[in-house]
Amino acid sequence: MLEWTVVASTYPESFERGRQLLEQFGRVECTDYFNVLVLTPDDPAGFLERFAAMAANVPSVLEILSRVMPVARCFDFQSPEEFETKARAAVLEWLSGLSGKSFHVRMHRRGFKKRMSSQAEERFLDELLLAALEEAGAPGRIDFEDPDAVIDVETVGGRAGLAFWTREDLRRYPFLRVD
């Protein structure tokens, strides 16, 4: 599978059109998961702004693609234990951005059915971050209503991607739809 840095979901009747839309940004691959595409953008640094501009200028884009999620950190894993080890290292890199703030982790898992629980992994990472913030003297808190930040975790089979989004990011880019 492609070493993607963007996961996109289409509406059921729009899969082929969604694939075509994303192809203008880079290499797109279909996955084994219903209405899920992965993308490796030609310009990873500029993808978010380019996609946002297209969505603003052509509102029907968001009637084709239900969710588009670029990620900042990626890794491959073969077991739940390996996932947790690598996810722990990735989320701790964002600790300073969570100092004294409200947040939560949201996981969109595709694959590892009956081997990994999205809710258990979210809780594991939430608790890890809360403990690390407390130890650093800058306690944070979990908030699902209007958090200062959300850490999004995307998995497609044995590949994971993680992203850190602020409240402002989530308002500015409505296609992210982390929750």
Protein backbone atom coordinates (compact mmCIF):
# COMPACT_ATOMS: atom_id res chain seq x y z
CA MET A 1 0.00 0.00 0.00
CA LEU A 2 1.01 3.57 -0.66
CA GLU A 3 2.90 5.38 2.12
CA TRP A 4 0.08 7.87 2.50
CA THR A 5 -0.10 11.10 4.46
CA VAL A 6 -3.80 11.86 3.82
CA VAL A 7 -6.85 9.69 4.48
CA ALA A 8 -10.12 10.60 2.79
CA SER A 9 -13.63 9.22 3.07
CA THR A 10 -16.20 9.62 0.35
CA TYR A 11 -19.95 9.48 0.42
CA PRO A 12 -21.10 6.06 -0.88
CA GLU A 13 -22.32 7.26 -4.25
CA SER A 14 -19.25 9.47 -4.81
CA PHE A 15 -16.28 7.12 -4.48
CA GLU A 16 -15.01 7.37 -8.07
CA ARG A 17 -15.56 11.13 -8.23
CA GLY A 18 -13.72 11.52 -4.90
CA ARG A 19 -10.79 9.55 -6.24
CA GLN A 20 -10.67 11.76 -9.33
CA LEU A 21 -10.80 14.95 -7.24
CA LEU A 22 -7.92 13.83 -5.07
CA GLU A 23 -5.76 12.81 -8.02
CA GLN A 24 -5.08 16.47 -8.79
CA PHE A 25 -3.15 16.61 -5.49
CA GLY A 26 -0.99 13.52 -5.90
CA ARG A 27 -1.03 9.74 -5.96
CA VAL A 28 -4.30 8.18 -4.76
CA GLU A 29 -4.89 4.57 -3.84
CA CYS A 30 -8.07 2.69 -3.03
CA THR A 31 -8.03 0.71 0.21
CA ASP A 32 -9.74 -2.45 1.36
CA TYR A 33 -12.08 -0.31 3.47
CA PHE A 34 -15.46 0.98 2.32
CA ASN A 35 -15.26 4.49 0.81
CA VAL A 36 -11.72 5.09 2.13
CA LEU A 37 -8.94 6.45 -0.07
CA VAL A 38 -5.35 7.29 0.81
CA LEU A 39 -3.23 9.97 -0.81
CA THR A 40 0.41 10.93 -1.02
CA PRO A 41 0.32 14.60 -2.05
CA ASP A 42 2.84 15.94 -4.56
CA ASP A 43 3.19 18.96 -2.26
CA PRO A 44 2.60 17.73 1.31
CA ALA A 45 3.33 21.13 2.88
CA GLY A 46 0.86 22.91 0.61
CA PHE A 47 -1.87 20.26 0.49
CA LEU A 48 -4.04 21.58 3.32
CA GLU A 49 -4.25 25.11 1.92
CA ARG A 50 -4.75 23.93 -1.65
CA PHE A 51 -7.53 21.57 -0.64
CA ALA A 52 -9.16 24.23 1.55
CA ALA A 53 -9.12 26.67 -1.38
CA MET A 54 -10.73 24.10 -3.66
CA ALA A 55 -13.40 23.29 -1.04
CA ALA A 56 -14.14 27.02 -0.60
CA ASN A 57 -14.36 27.67 -4.35
CA VAL A 58 -16.22 24.49 -5.27
CA PRO A 59 -18.62 23.72 -2.38
CA SER A 60 -19.80 20.48 -4.05
CA VAL A 61 -16.38 18.99 -3.15
CA LEU A 62 -17.67 18.50 0.39
CA GLU A 63 -20.71 16.66 -1.00
CA ILE A 64 -18.31 14.14 -2.57
CA LEU A 65 -15.61 13.87 0.11
CA SER A 66 -17.11 13.52 3.56
CA ARG A 67 -13.80 13.79 5.38
CA VAL A 68 -10.22 14.63 4.41
CA MET A 69 -7.49 14.21 7.01
CA PRO A 70 -3.82 15.08 6.44
CA VAL A 71 -1.47 13.64 9.05
CA ALA A 72 1.87 14.88 10.36
CA ARG A 73 3.42 11.70 11.78
CA CYS A 74 3.20 8.24 10.18
CA PHE A 75 4.40 4.80 11.10
CA ASP A 76 3.79 1.17 10.26
CA PHE A 77 2.88 -1.39 12.92
CA GLN A 78 2.15 -5.10 13.07
CA SER A 79 0.62 -5.48 16.52
CA PRO A 80 -1.38 -3.46 19.04
CA GLU A 81 1.72 -3.33 21.27
CA GLU A 82 3.85 -1.90 18.47
CA PHE A 83 1.10 0.62 17.69
CA GLU A 84 1.04 1.80 21.32
CA THR A 85 4.82 2.14 21.51
CA LYS A 86 5.03 4.20 18.34
CA ALA A 87 1.86 6.23 19.05
CA ARG A 88 3.19 7.08 22.52
CA ALA A 89 6.38 8.53 21.04
CA ALA A 90 4.43 10.49 18.42
CA VAL A 91 1.89 12.11 20.77
CA LEU A 92 4.51 13.04 23.36
CA GLU A 93 6.11 15.27 20.70
CA TRP A 94 3.03 17.50 21.02
CA LEU A 95 3.14 17.75 24.80
CA SER A 96 4.22 21.40 24.87
CA GLY A 97 1.23 22.36 22.71
CA LEU A 98 -1.08 20.80 25.29
CA SER A 99 0.36 22.52 28.39
CA GLY A 100 -2.52 23.69 30.55
CA LYS A 101 -5.02 23.07 27.75
CA SER A 102 -8.09 20.97 27.10
CA PHE A 103 -7.86 18.21 24.53
CA HIS A 104 -8.81 14.69 23.55
CA VAL A 105 -7.53 11.95 21.29
CA ARG A 106 -9.81 10.65 18.54
CA MET A 107 -8.99 7.46 16.66
CA HIS A 108 -10.43 6.39 13.30
CA ARG A 109 -9.35 2.76 13.01
CA ARG A 110 -9.66 0.71 9.87
CA GLY A 111 -8.39 -2.81 10.32
CA PHE A 112 -7.14 -4.80 13.30
CA LYS A 113 -10.74 -5.73 14.04
CA LYS A 114 -11.02 -7.59 17.35
CA ARG A 115 -7.32 -6.90 17.98
CA MET A 116 -7.50 -3.18 18.78
CA SER A 117 -10.24 -1.02 20.24
CA SER A 118 -10.42 2.60 19.12
CA GLN A 119 -11.89 3.66 22.47
CA ALA A 120 -9.23 1.79 24.46
CA GLU A 121 -6.42 3.34 22.39
CA GLU A 122 -7.95 6.82 22.74
CA ARG A 123 -8.17 6.35 26.51
CA PHE A 124 -4.59 5.01 26.65
CA LEU A 125 -3.22 8.06 24.81
CA ASP A 126 -5.43 10.51 26.75
CA GLU A 127 -4.21 9.08 30.07
CA LEU A 128 -0.59 9.05 28.88
CA LEU A 129 -0.78 12.73 27.95
CA LEU A 130 -2.60 13.73 31.14
CA ALA A 131 0.08 12.01 33.25
CA ALA A 132 2.93 13.58 31.26
CA LEU A 133 1.35 17.05 31.54
CA GLU A 134 0.85 16.60 35.29
CA GLU A 135 4.47 15.50 35.68
CA ALA A 136 5.61 18.55 33.69
CA GLY A 137 3.66 20.84 36.04
CA ALA A 138 1.26 21.99 33.32
CA PRO A 139 -1.87 19.86 33.81
CA GLY A 140 -4.32 19.51 30.97
CA ARG A 141 -7.85 18.21 30.92
CA ILE A 142 -10.02 16.11 28.66
CA ASP A 143 -12.81 17.99 26.91
CA PHE A 144 -15.09 16.62 24.20
CA GLU A 145 -17.33 19.68 23.79
CA ASP A 146 -14.94 22.49 22.79
CA PRO A 147 -11.32 21.39 23.32
CA ASP A 148 -8.31 23.60 22.70
CA ALA A 149 -6.82 20.75 20.65
CA VAL A 150 -7.58 17.31 19.24
CA ILE A 151 -5.03 14.67 18.37
CA ASP A 152 -6.39 12.64 15.49
CA VAL A 153 -5.19 9.08 14.91
CA GLU A 154 -5.93 7.44 11.57
CA THR A 155 -5.18 3.80 10.85
CA VAL A 156 -5.55 1.96 7.57
CA GLY A 157 -4.50 -1.63 8.07
CA GLY A 158 -1.01 -1.64 9.57
CA ARG A 159 -0.20 2.03 8.91
CA ALA A 160 -1.02 4.87 11.28
CA GLY A 161 -0.98 8.62 10.84
CA LEU A 162 -1.38 11.21 13.57
CA ALA A 163 -2.18 14.90 13.49
CA PHE A 164 -2.48 17.71 16.05
CA TRP A 165 -5.31 20.17 15.42
CA THR A 166 -6.16 23.29 17.39
CA ARG A 167 -9.68 24.61 17.87
CA GLU A 168 -8.88 27.29 15.29
CA ASP A 169 -7.68 24.69 12.76
CA LEU A 170 -10.89 22.71 13.17
CA ARG A 171 -13.02 25.81 12.58
CA ARG A 172 -10.93 26.90 9.61
CA TYR A 173 -10.94 23.47 7.91
CA PRO A 174 -14.45 22.00 8.32
CA PHE A 175 -13.59 18.98 6.15
CA LEU A 176 -11.32 17.58 8.89
CA ARG A 177 -14.27 16.33 10.96
CA VAL A 178 -12.24 14.72 13.72
CA ASP A 179 -15.28 13.79 15.84
